[in-house]
Amino acid sequence: MARVDRSGSAPTRRFEAGNLELSLLAPSWWNDSENLRSRIESQRATGAYVPTRVFGTDRLGRDVFARCLMGGAVSLLIGLSAAMIAVGFGTLYGTTSAACGGRIDNGMMRAVDVMYGLPSMLLVVMFAVAAEGILDRLGVERVGGGHQAFDVAILFLAIGATSWLTVARVIRGQVLSLRGQLFMESCRAVGVGPWRQFRLHYLPNVVGPIAVYAALAVPAAILSESFLSFLGIGVREPLPSWGNLAADGLSEVNTIRSRWWLLGWPCVLIATTLFALNFVGDALRAAVDPAARGRTTSA
């Protein structure tokens, strides 16, 4: 968004309106001196951009509150997208394995067992590094919004591709229990096709476990994204995420002068979001699992 100075000069774009005189300031409610307040008021009177400072400002004078909101949108987008990929592929894989049965089922489950033995975080890092190598070989420069979107897409694809194993096992068990029911034997006897069986009978009966594991997969994906971004492998500047915001704030916490707000707010938001999503997953599990609902009622 562009801004126009009161003097009528050329408009200034928002990202060019940072005021370095207001950099690395604590939140406005923490400890403001009279000199600082007068300086901020004088800056605001000239029409210059002044951050709200609810969460303080960073080294470039940017509002940490606005960057945390943007970083939360990016982290939640990656978490939701990765969870959708993991749940969707895991559901198809587990249903196909249980419906086929026999050697196909054994082979598909042994592949899942092999992948369980591999470190998932290492696989995600390998995917991200391989994607960067492909871009470098193609000569794509690391500038522009298109490359940032590519980085985000590679990240949630890599996380989703390594998070579907538990979902596949759970859905396979559910489908195996349904496959032996009388109504499914009747479907096969009258010649109902595999796709119609999946769409009309298997999927409606496993939608409860799918919803539960989708709610539990989102916080795991957000935590993976934050960890990778903290290491500098995931989302990178200038696009914020909770992980790279925490990484930037870590260098500002030292024994000489601790600018705690740069590290504290992203960590608090990550922890709060993970707790909230885990509570949602537990509530869904209690709603769709009769045994869990009975334990909750008796307690």
Protein backbone atom coordinates (compact mmCIF):
# COMPACT_ATOMS: atom_id res chain seq x y z
CA MET A 1 0.00 0.00 0.00
CA ALA A 2 1.31 3.47 -0.91
CA ARG A 3 1.43 6.48 1.41
CA VAL A 4 1.39 10.15 0.42
CA ASP A 5 3.33 12.62 2.54
CA ARG A 6 1.51 15.69 3.87
CA SER A 7 3.86 17.85 1.87
CA GLY A 8 2.39 16.41 -1.32
CA SER A 9 5.61 14.66 -2.40
CA ALA A 10 5.81 11.36 -4.27
CA PRO A 11 4.04 8.41 -2.64
CA THR A 12 6.10 6.04 -0.49
CA ARG A 13 5.45 2.34 -0.53
CA ARG A 14 4.80 0.67 2.82
CA PHE A 15 7.92 -1.52 2.86
CA GLU A 16 10.06 1.58 2.10
CA ALA A 17 8.55 3.55 4.97
CA GLY A 18 10.51 1.90 7.77
CA ASN A 19 11.95 4.35 10.29
CA LEU A 20 15.35 3.21 11.54
CA GLU A 21 15.16 5.68 14.42
CA LEU A 22 12.40 3.49 15.85
CA SER A 23 14.26 0.19 15.52
CA LEU A 24 14.63 -2.34 18.35
CA LEU A 25 12.11 -0.62 20.60
CA ALA A 26 10.37 -2.57 23.36
CA PRO A 27 6.55 -2.85 23.40
CA SER A 28 4.87 0.45 24.15
CA TRP A 29 3.47 -0.87 27.45
CA TRP A 30 6.85 -2.14 28.71
CA ASN A 31 9.12 0.81 29.52
CA ASP A 32 8.75 4.04 27.53
CA SER A 33 10.73 7.12 28.52
CA GLU A 34 9.42 10.65 28.08
CA ASN A 35 12.10 11.35 25.50
CA LEU A 36 11.06 8.33 23.42
CA ARG A 37 7.39 9.24 23.54
CA SER A 38 8.09 12.79 22.40
CA ARG A 39 10.27 11.52 19.56
CA ILE A 40 7.55 9.15 18.38
CA GLU A 41 4.96 11.93 18.49
CA SER A 42 7.22 14.20 16.44
CA GLN A 43 7.68 11.43 13.87
CA ARG A 44 3.94 10.87 13.69
CA ALA A 45 3.32 14.61 13.27
CA THR A 46 5.51 14.72 10.15
CA GLY A 47 3.42 11.98 8.52
CA ALA A 48 6.19 9.37 8.70
CA TYR A 49 5.34 5.72 9.22
CA VAL A 50 5.29 4.84 12.93
CA PRO A 51 4.68 1.20 13.96
CA THR A 52 2.04 0.40 16.55
CA ARG A 53 4.66 -1.23 18.84
CA VAL A 54 2.16 -3.55 20.52
CA PHE A 55 4.85 -6.26 20.28
CA GLY A 56 7.78 -3.86 19.79
CA THR A 57 9.90 -3.31 16.68
CA ASP A 58 12.70 -5.26 15.04
CA ARG A 59 16.14 -4.19 13.78
CA LEU A 60 14.66 -2.52 10.68
CA GLY A 61 12.00 -0.61 12.59
CA ARG A 62 9.18 -2.93 11.48
CA ASP A 63 6.20 -3.70 13.65
CA VAL A 64 6.70 -7.13 15.27
CA PHE A 65 2.95 -7.49 15.81
CA ALA A 66 2.23 -7.17 12.07
CA ARG A 67 5.07 -9.54 11.20
CA CYS A 68 3.83 -12.11 13.74
CA LEU A 69 0.36 -11.96 12.18
CA MET A 70 1.81 -12.46 8.71
CA GLY A 71 4.12 -15.19 9.96
CA GLY A 72 1.17 -16.93 11.60
CA ALA A 73 -0.74 -16.88 8.32
CA VAL A 74 2.22 -18.46 6.52
CA SER A 75 2.78 -21.11 9.23
CA LEU A 76 -0.91 -22.01 9.39
CA LEU A 77 -1.10 -22.18 5.58
CA ILE A 78 1.82 -24.62 5.48
CA GLY A 79 0.43 -26.64 8.39
CA LEU A 80 -3.07 -26.94 6.91
CA SER A 81 -1.77 -27.74 3.41
CA ALA A 82 0.67 -30.37 4.69
CA ALA A 83 -2.05 -31.94 6.85
CA MET A 84 -4.45 -32.09 3.89
CA ILE A 85 -1.81 -33.79 1.74
CA ALA A 86 -0.91 -36.26 4.50
CA VAL A 87 -4.53 -37.13 5.34
CA GLY A 88 -5.62 -37.36 1.69
CA PHE A 89 -2.76 -39.56 0.53
CA GLY A 90 -2.80 -41.64 3.73
CA THR A 91 -6.54 -42.28 3.33
CA LEU A 92 -6.18 -43.42 -0.28
CA TYR A 93 -3.13 -45.54 0.51
CA GLY A 94 -4.66 -47.25 3.55
CA THR A 95 -8.00 -47.86 1.82
CA THR A 96 -6.32 -49.30 -1.28
CA SER A 97 -4.12 -51.58 0.80
CA ALA A 98 -7.03 -52.95 2.87
CA ALA A 99 -9.39 -53.28 -0.11
CA CYS A 100 -6.86 -55.21 -2.22
CA GLY A 101 -5.67 -57.50 0.57
CA GLY A 102 -3.33 -60.43 0.11
CA ARG A 103 0.17 -59.84 -1.22
CA ILE A 104 -0.60 -56.29 -2.32
CA ASP A 105 -1.64 -55.40 1.23
CA ASN A 106 1.49 -57.03 2.67
CA GLY A 107 3.77 -55.27 0.19
CA MET A 108 2.22 -51.84 0.76
CA MET A 109 2.41 -52.20 4.54
CA ARG A 110 6.05 -53.35 4.41
CA ALA A 111 6.80 -50.18 2.44
CA VAL A 112 5.18 -48.17 5.25
CA ASP A 113 7.30 -50.04 7.80
CA VAL A 114 10.47 -49.19 5.87
CA MET A 115 9.53 -45.52 5.72
CA TYR A 116 8.81 -45.55 9.44
CA GLY A 117 12.44 -46.48 10.00
CA LEU A 118 13.68 -43.39 8.16
CA PRO A 119 13.99 -40.07 10.05
CA SER A 120 11.18 -37.90 8.77
CA MET A 121 12.95 -34.60 9.46
CA LEU A 122 15.95 -35.76 7.45
CA LEU A 123 13.66 -36.60 4.53
CA VAL A 124 12.08 -33.14 4.67
CA VAL A 125 15.53 -31.53 4.67
CA MET A 126 16.55 -33.69 1.70
CA PHE A 127 13.43 -32.62 -0.22
CA ALA A 128 14.10 -28.93 0.49
CA VAL A 129 17.79 -29.15 -0.43
CA ALA A 130 17.00 -31.09 -3.60
CA ALA A 131 14.46 -28.45 -4.65
CA GLU A 132 17.01 -25.67 -4.09
CA GLY A 133 19.54 -27.60 -6.16
CA ILE A 134 17.06 -27.90 -9.01
CA LEU A 135 16.41 -24.14 -8.92
CA ASP A 136 20.12 -23.38 -8.90
CA ARG A 137 20.70 -25.71 -11.84
CA LEU A 138 17.90 -24.03 -13.77
CA GLY A 139 19.46 -20.64 -13.02
CA VAL A 140 16.46 -19.26 -11.13
CA GLU A 141 17.42 -16.28 -8.98
CA ARG A 142 16.27 -16.22 -5.35
CA VAL A 143 14.27 -13.01 -5.75
CA GLY A 144 10.62 -12.22 -6.28
CA GLY A 145 7.35 -13.54 -4.94
CA GLY A 146 7.31 -16.50 -7.34
CA HIS A 147 10.39 -18.05 -5.77
CA GLN A 148 8.99 -17.51 -2.26
CA ALA A 149 5.77 -19.27 -3.28
CA PHE A 150 7.86 -22.12 -4.70
CA ASP A 151 9.75 -22.44 -1.39
CA VAL A 152 6.49 -22.56 0.57
CA ALA A 153 5.00 -25.14 -1.83
CA ILE A 154 8.08 -27.37 -1.60
CA LEU A 155 8.01 -27.11 2.19
CA PHE A 156 4.40 -28.23 2.69
CA LEU A 157 4.76 -30.92 0.00
CA ALA A 158 7.84 -32.29 1.77
CA ILE A 159 6.16 -32.23 5.21
CA GLY A 160 2.97 -33.79 3.85
CA ALA A 161 4.90 -36.49 1.98
CA THR A 162 6.49 -37.69 5.24
CA SER A 163 3.44 -37.38 7.54
CA TRP A 164 0.93 -39.79 6.01
CA LEU A 165 2.24 -43.06 7.48
CA THR A 166 0.19 -43.10 10.70
CA VAL A 167 -2.96 -42.04 8.85
CA ALA A 168 -2.48 -44.88 6.34
CA ARG A 169 -2.17 -47.48 9.11
CA VAL A 170 -5.22 -46.22 11.01
CA ILE A 171 -7.43 -46.02 7.91
CA ARG A 172 -6.28 -49.48 6.80
CA GLY A 173 -7.40 -50.93 10.14
CA GLN A 174 -10.77 -49.19 9.87
CA VAL A 175 -11.33 -50.40 6.32
CA LEU A 176 -10.32 -53.97 7.22
CA SER A 177 -12.95 -54.00 9.96
CA LEU A 178 -15.56 -52.67 7.52
CA ARG A 179 -14.55 -55.07 4.76
CA GLY A 180 -15.74 -58.06 6.76
CA GLN A 181 -19.18 -56.57 7.50
CA LEU A 182 -22.28 -58.08 5.87
CA PHE A 183 -23.23 -54.93 3.98
CA MET A 184 -19.82 -54.85 2.27
CA GLU A 185 -20.09 -58.52 1.33
CA SER A 186 -23.49 -57.71 -0.16
CA CYS A 187 -21.95 -54.85 -2.16
CA ARG A 188 -19.31 -57.11 -3.62
CA ALA A 189 -21.91 -59.82 -4.32
CA VAL A 190 -24.10 -57.50 -6.42
CA GLY A 191 -21.07 -56.22 -8.35
CA VAL A 192 -20.54 -52.74 -6.85
CA GLY A 193 -17.23 -51.34 -8.18
CA PRO A 194 -14.23 -50.48 -5.97
CA TRP A 195 -14.57 -46.72 -6.48
CA ARG A 196 -18.27 -46.79 -5.63
CA GLN A 197 -17.54 -48.88 -2.53
CA PHE A 198 -14.96 -46.34 -1.40
CA ARG A 199 -17.16 -43.30 -2.09
CA LEU A 200 -20.46 -44.59 -0.68
CA HIS A 201 -19.42 -46.98 2.09
CA TYR A 202 -15.78 -46.79 3.18
CA LEU A 203 -15.33 -43.01 3.21
CA PRO A 204 -18.50 -42.11 5.17
CA ASN A 205 -17.58 -44.66 7.85
CA VAL A 206 -13.99 -43.45 8.32
CA VAL A 207 -14.65 -39.70 8.18
CA GLY A 208 -14.50 -39.52 11.99
CA PRO A 209 -10.93 -40.87 12.32
CA ILE A 210 -9.90 -38.79 9.31
CA ALA A 211 -11.13 -35.59 11.01
CA VAL A 212 -9.34 -36.51 14.25
CA TYR A 213 -6.00 -37.21 12.62
CA ALA A 214 -6.31 -34.15 10.39
CA ALA A 215 -6.71 -31.97 13.50
CA LEU A 216 -3.70 -33.65 15.11
CA ALA A 217 -1.57 -33.47 11.95
CA VAL A 218 -1.84 -29.68 11.66
CA PRO A 219 0.14 -28.84 14.86
CA ALA A 220 2.78 -31.44 13.94
CA ALA A 221 3.19 -29.83 10.50
CA ILE A 222 3.38 -26.32 12.02
CA LEU A 223 6.06 -27.50 14.44
CA SER A 224 8.06 -29.07 11.60
CA GLU A 225 7.82 -25.89 9.53
CA SER A 226 8.86 -23.71 12.47
CA PHE A 227 11.83 -25.95 13.21
CA LEU A 228 13.01 -25.94 9.58
CA SER A 229 12.53 -22.18 9.24
CA PHE A 230 14.42 -21.70 12.50
CA LEU A 231 17.33 -23.61 10.95
CA GLY A 232 17.14 -21.49 7.78
CA ILE A 233 15.89 -24.29 5.51
CA GLY A 234 12.18 -23.49 5.35
CA VAL A 235 10.55 -20.08 4.86
CA ARG A 236 13.14 -17.33 4.35
CA GLU A 237 13.24 -13.58 4.47
CA PRO A 238 11.58 -11.33 3.49
CA LEU A 239 8.59 -13.66 3.92
CA PRO A 240 8.02 -14.10 7.68
CA SER A 241 7.03 -17.21 9.57
CA TRP A 242 7.09 -17.96 13.26
CA GLY A 243 10.20 -20.06 12.79
CA ASN A 244 12.41 -17.49 11.07
CA LEU A 245 11.08 -14.72 13.36
CA ALA A 246 12.27 -16.76 16.35
CA ALA A 247 15.61 -17.35 14.62
CA ASP A 248 16.05 -13.60 14.07
CA GLY A 249 15.14 -12.87 17.69
CA LEU A 250 17.57 -15.42 19.09
CA SER A 251 20.57 -13.27 18.15
CA GLU A 252 19.06 -10.31 20.03
CA VAL A 253 18.92 -12.15 23.37
CA ASN A 254 22.29 -11.72 25.07
CA THR A 255 23.81 -10.84 28.43
CA ILE A 256 24.43 -7.19 27.48
CA ARG A 257 20.96 -6.17 26.38
CA SER A 258 18.12 -8.64 26.00
CA ARG A 259 15.49 -7.69 23.43
CA TRP A 260 13.20 -10.46 24.59
CA TRP A 261 10.19 -9.46 22.52
CA LEU A 262 11.82 -10.53 19.25
CA LEU A 263 12.15 -14.13 20.49
CA GLY A 264 9.34 -14.29 23.02
CA TRP A 265 6.31 -13.41 20.90
CA PRO A 266 6.88 -15.96 18.08
CA CYS A 267 7.54 -18.70 20.66
CA VAL A 268 4.42 -17.78 22.65
CA LEU A 269 2.29 -17.82 19.50
CA ILE A 270 3.69 -21.20 18.40
CA ALA A 271 3.04 -22.74 21.82
CA THR A 272 -0.48 -21.26 22.08
CA THR A 273 -1.44 -22.46 18.60
CA LEU A 274 -0.11 -25.97 19.19
CA PHE A 275 -1.98 -26.25 22.51
CA ALA A 276 -5.22 -24.99 20.94
CA LEU A 277 -5.02 -27.37 17.97
CA ASN A 278 -4.22 -30.32 20.22
CA PHE A 279 -7.26 -29.51 22.35
CA VAL A 280 -9.37 -29.42 19.17
CA GLY A 281 -8.00 -32.83 18.17
CA ASP A 282 -8.75 -34.28 21.61
CA ALA A 283 -12.29 -32.88 21.48
CA LEU A 284 -12.87 -34.43 18.05
CA ARG A 285 -11.46 -37.74 19.25
CA ALA A 286 -13.84 -37.72 22.23
CA ALA A 287 -16.75 -36.85 19.92
CA VAL A 288 -16.18 -39.67 17.40
CA ASP A 289 -14.75 -42.36 19.73
CA PRO A 290 -17.46 -43.91 21.96
CA ALA A 291 -14.87 -45.38 24.35
CA ALA A 292 -13.17 -42.02 24.85
CA ARG A 293 -16.54 -40.33 25.29
CA GLY A 294 -17.50 -42.86 27.95
CA ARG A 295 -14.25 -42.27 29.83
CA THR A 296 -14.77 -38.51 29.69
CA THR A 297 -18.35 -38.85 30.98
CA SER A 298 -17.37 -41.14 33.84
CA ALA A 299 -14.52 -38.80 34.85
